[in-house]
Amino acid sequence: MKKSLLLIFTIIFALTLQAQKDTTKIAGYSSHNDIFRDAPNPNITIYPVPVRNNIFTIKTDREISFIKITNIIGQDIFRVQYKNPQQSATIALDNPKRGMYLVNILFSDGARIVKKILVEESE
């Protein structure tokens, strides 16, 4: 009985060590995205929050090349691509429903960021 318990304990211990090695290997491979870590996060301001009257403004310190707005289940409700990237954009939504939306912003340097906004019903 003691030998079988010792054997089970040894097997479990060996598997635990192997699992830790695999985790270390996975963590080691994550360094290929260093390009994105070197670039500082853009300073983004979205106002007014919550969005009222279906209009809001996005200002940032980087040049925006593309904006896409989706509802919480992933349906596109707005998208615009700028031929001449700009640091400020005023967005007018076409009669959105009240709720949460995701604003996907693509910058001219290839960086992308997603922000949440809350849209209130128009008065």
C-alpha atoms as a PDB file:
ATOM      1  CA  MET A   1       0.000   0.000   0.000  1.00  0.00           C
ATOM      2  CA  LYS A   2       2.805   2.405   0.910  1.00  0.00           C
ATOM      3  CA  LYS A   3       4.671   1.565  -2.307  1.00  0.00           C
ATOM      4  CA  SER A   4       1.623   2.309  -4.471  1.00  0.00           C
ATOM      5  CA  LEU A   5       1.026   5.628  -2.664  1.00  0.00           C
ATOM      6  CA  LEU A   6       4.692   6.543  -3.110  1.00  0.00           C
ATOM      7  CA  LEU A   7       4.477   5.644  -6.808  1.00  0.00           C
ATOM      8  CA  ILE A   8       1.335   7.787  -7.263  1.00  0.00           C
ATOM      9  CA  PHE A   9       2.956  10.700  -5.427  1.00  0.00           C
ATOM     10  CA  THR A  10       6.078  10.429  -7.601  1.00  0.00           C
ATOM     11  CA  ILE A  11       4.029  10.419 -10.811  1.00  0.00           C
ATOM     12  CA  ILE A  12       1.993  13.450  -9.711  1.00  0.00           C
ATOM     13  CA  PHE A  13       5.159  15.309  -8.699  1.00  0.00           C
ATOM     14  CA  ALA A  14       6.812  14.552 -12.052  1.00  0.00           C
ATOM     15  CA  LEU A  15       3.733  15.727 -13.960  1.00  0.00           C
ATOM     16  CA  THR A  16       3.637  18.926 -11.924  1.00  0.00           C
ATOM     17  CA  LEU A  17       7.259  19.666 -12.766  1.00  0.00           C
ATOM     18  CA  GLN A  18       6.583  19.000 -16.448  1.00  0.00           C
ATOM     19  CA  ALA A  19       3.583  21.360 -16.391  1.00  0.00           C
ATOM     20  CA  GLN A  20       5.762  24.089 -14.868  1.00  0.00           C
ATOM     21  CA  LYS A  21       8.366  23.628 -17.630  1.00  0.00           C
ATOM     22  CA  ASP A  22       5.688  23.992 -20.316  1.00  0.00           C
ATOM     23  CA  THR A  23       4.406  27.166 -18.697  1.00  0.00           C
ATOM     24  CA  THR A  24       7.913  28.600 -18.639  1.00  0.00           C
ATOM     25  CA  LYS A  25       8.386  27.820 -22.321  1.00  0.00           C
ATOM     26  CA  ILE A  26       5.098  29.496 -23.247  1.00  0.00           C
ATOM     27  CA  ALA A  27       5.989  32.591 -21.256  1.00  0.00           C
ATOM     28  CA  GLY A  28       9.379  32.722 -22.982  1.00  0.00           C
ATOM     29  CA  TYR A  29       7.822  32.831 -26.441  1.00  0.00           C
ATOM     30  CA  SER A  30       5.667  35.885 -25.674  1.00  0.00           C
ATOM     31  CA  SER A  31       8.594  38.281 -26.204  1.00  0.00           C
ATOM     32  CA  HIS A  32       8.109  38.457 -29.999  1.00  0.00           C
ATOM     33  CA  ASN A  33       5.616  41.304 -29.493  1.00  0.00           C
ATOM     34  CA  ASP A  34       8.271  43.699 -28.139  1.00  0.00           C
ATOM     35  CA  ILE A  35       7.516  46.089 -31.008  1.00  0.00           C
ATOM     36  CA  PHE A  36       4.164  46.927 -29.410  1.00  0.00           C
ATOM     37  CA  ARG A  37       5.571  47.244 -25.904  1.00  0.00           C
ATOM     38  CA  ASP A  38       8.127  49.882 -26.977  1.00  0.00           C
ATOM     39  CA  ALA A  39       5.480  52.220 -28.390  1.00  0.00           C
ATOM     40  CA  PRO A  40       3.802  54.252 -25.651  1.00  0.00           C
ATOM     41  CA  ASN A  41       0.036  54.029 -25.339  1.00  0.00           C
ATOM     42  CA  PRO A  42      -1.685  56.844 -27.173  1.00  0.00           C
ATOM     43  CA  ASN A  43      -3.407  59.525 -25.150  1.00  0.00           C
ATOM     44  CA  ILE A  44      -7.074  59.264 -26.214  1.00  0.00           C
ATOM     45  CA  THR A  45      -9.954  61.469 -25.141  1.00  0.00           C
ATOM     46  CA  ILE A  46     -13.541  60.615 -26.052  1.00  0.00           C
ATOM     47  CA  TYR A  47     -16.235  63.097 -25.117  1.00  0.00           C
ATOM     48  CA  PRO A  48     -18.980  63.618 -24.126  1.00  0.00           C
ATOM     49  CA  VAL A  49     -19.342  60.508 -22.025  1.00  0.00           C
ATOM     50  CA  PRO A  50     -22.011  59.197 -22.000  1.00  0.00           C
ATOM     51  CA  VAL A  51     -22.659  60.047 -25.642  1.00  0.00           C
ATOM     52  CA  ARG A  52     -25.821  62.111 -26.095  1.00  0.00           C
ATOM     53  CA  ASN A  53     -27.477  63.404 -29.278  1.00  0.00           C
ATOM     54  CA  ASN A  54     -25.634  60.690 -31.265  1.00  0.00           C
ATOM     55  CA  ILE A  55     -22.453  62.795 -31.649  1.00  0.00           C
ATOM     56  CA  PHE A  56     -19.089  62.446 -29.939  1.00  0.00           C
ATOM     57  CA  THR A  57     -15.481  63.468 -30.530  1.00  0.00           C
ATOM     58  CA  ILE A  58     -12.239  61.489 -30.403  1.00  0.00           C
ATOM     59  CA  LYS A  59      -8.961  63.346 -29.830  1.00  0.00           C
ATOM     60  CA  THR A  60      -5.562  61.708 -29.620  1.00  0.00           C
ATOM     61  CA  ASP A  61      -1.869  62.512 -29.831  1.00  0.00           C
ATOM     62  CA  ARG A  62      -1.390  60.095 -32.768  1.00  0.00           C
ATOM     63  CA  GLU A  63      -2.787  60.158 -36.273  1.00  0.00           C
ATOM     64  CA  ILE A  64      -5.992  58.160 -36.699  1.00  0.00           C
ATOM     65  CA  SER A  65      -6.374  56.310 -39.994  1.00  0.00           C
ATOM     66  CA  PHE A  66      -9.471  54.162 -39.330  1.00  0.00           C
ATOM     67  CA  ILE A  67     -12.380  54.101 -36.867  1.00  0.00           C
ATOM     68  CA  LYS A  68     -14.932  51.331 -36.484  1.00  0.00           C
ATOM     69  CA  ILE A  69     -17.775  51.261 -33.969  1.00  0.00           C
ATOM     70  CA  THR A  70     -19.505  48.005 -33.104  1.00  0.00           C
ATOM     71  CA  ASN A  71     -22.306  47.148 -30.754  1.00  0.00           C
ATOM     72  CA  ILE A  72     -21.621  44.799 -27.880  1.00  0.00           C
ATOM     73  CA  ILE A  73     -22.443  41.700 -29.980  1.00  0.00           C
ATOM     74  CA  GLY A  74     -19.995  42.681 -32.729  1.00  0.00           C
ATOM     75  CA  GLN A  75     -22.240  44.217 -35.382  1.00  0.00           C
ATOM     76  CA  ASP A  76     -20.679  47.179 -37.204  1.00  0.00           C
ATOM     77  CA  ILE A  77     -22.726  50.347 -36.844  1.00  0.00           C
ATOM     78  CA  PHE A  78     -20.141  52.858 -38.127  1.00  0.00           C
ATOM     79  CA  ARG A  79     -16.829  52.820 -39.926  1.00  0.00           C
ATOM     80  CA  VAL A  80     -14.658  55.452 -41.575  1.00  0.00           C
ATOM     81  CA  GLN A  81     -11.197  55.373 -43.132  1.00  0.00           C
ATOM     82  CA  TYR A  82      -9.192  58.580 -43.460  1.00  0.00           C
ATOM     83  CA  LYS A  83      -6.965  59.067 -46.505  1.00  0.00           C
ATOM     84  CA  ASN A  84      -5.203  61.868 -44.629  1.00  0.00           C
ATOM     85  CA  PRO A  85      -4.790  60.636 -41.042  1.00  0.00           C
ATOM     86  CA  GLN A  86      -5.898  63.108 -38.391  1.00  0.00           C
ATOM     87  CA  GLN A  87      -5.658  63.539 -34.633  1.00  0.00           C
ATOM     88  CA  SER A  88      -9.279  64.514 -34.059  1.00  0.00           C
ATOM     89  CA  ALA A  89     -12.546  63.070 -35.364  1.00  0.00           C
ATOM     90  CA  THR A  90     -16.169  63.929 -34.746  1.00  0.00           C
ATOM     91  CA  ILE A  91     -18.465  60.926 -35.116  1.00  0.00           C
ATOM     92  CA  ALA A  92     -22.195  61.221 -35.829  1.00  0.00           C
ATOM     93  CA  LEU A  93     -24.030  57.940 -35.314  1.00  0.00           C
ATOM     94  CA  ASP A  94     -27.208  57.204 -37.239  1.00  0.00           C
ATOM     95  CA  ASN A  95     -29.888  56.772 -34.543  1.00  0.00           C
ATOM     96  CA  PRO A  96     -28.106  54.229 -32.285  1.00  0.00           C
ATOM     97  CA  LYS A  97     -29.917  52.372 -29.542  1.00  0.00           C
ATOM     98  CA  ARG A  98     -29.063  53.043 -25.924  1.00  0.00           C
ATOM     99  CA  GLY A  99     -26.217  50.850 -24.692  1.00  0.00           C
ATOM    100  CA  MET A 100     -22.513  50.004 -24.740  1.00  0.00           C
ATOM    101  CA  TYR A 101     -20.444  50.223 -27.926  1.00  0.00           C
ATOM    102  CA  LEU A 102     -16.827  49.453 -28.792  1.00  0.00           C
ATOM    103  CA  VAL A 103     -14.740  52.057 -30.605  1.00  0.00           C
ATOM    104  CA  ASN A 104     -11.878  50.438 -32.560  1.00  0.00           C
ATOM    105  CA  ILE A 105      -9.212  52.974 -33.503  1.00  0.00           C
ATOM    106  CA  LEU A 106      -6.397  52.136 -35.941  1.00  0.00           C
ATOM    107  CA  PHE A 107      -3.482  54.558 -36.022  1.00  0.00           C
ATOM    108  CA  SER A 108      -1.287  55.337 -39.005  1.00  0.00           C
ATOM    109  CA  ASP A 109       1.684  53.608 -37.307  1.00  0.00           C
ATOM    110  CA  GLY A 110      -0.259  50.310 -37.192  1.00  0.00           C
ATOM    111  CA  ALA A 111      -1.175  50.432 -33.496  1.00  0.00           C
ATOM    112  CA  ARG A 112      -4.771  49.629 -32.585  1.00  0.00           C
ATOM    113  CA  ILE A 113      -6.774  50.361 -29.475  1.00  0.00           C
ATOM    114  CA  VAL A 114     -10.343  49.613 -28.386  1.00  0.00           C
ATOM    115  CA  LYS A 115     -12.370  51.857 -26.079  1.00  0.00           C
ATOM    116  CA  LYS A 116     -15.881  51.462 -24.672  1.00  0.00           C
ATOM    117  CA  ILE A 117     -18.517  54.148 -24.871  1.00  0.00           C
ATOM    118  CA  LEU A 118     -22.016  54.403 -23.438  1.00  0.00           C
ATOM    119  CA  VAL A 119     -24.702  55.869 -25.688  1.00  0.00           C
ATOM    120  CA  GLU A 120     -27.768  57.473 -24.112  1.00  0.00           C
ATOM    121  CA  GLU A 121     -31.018  57.941 -26.008  1.00  0.00           C
ATOM    122  CA  SER A 122     -31.487  61.230 -27.855  1.00  0.00           C
ATOM    123  CA  GLU A 123     -33.701  63.776 -26.203  1.00  0.00           C
END
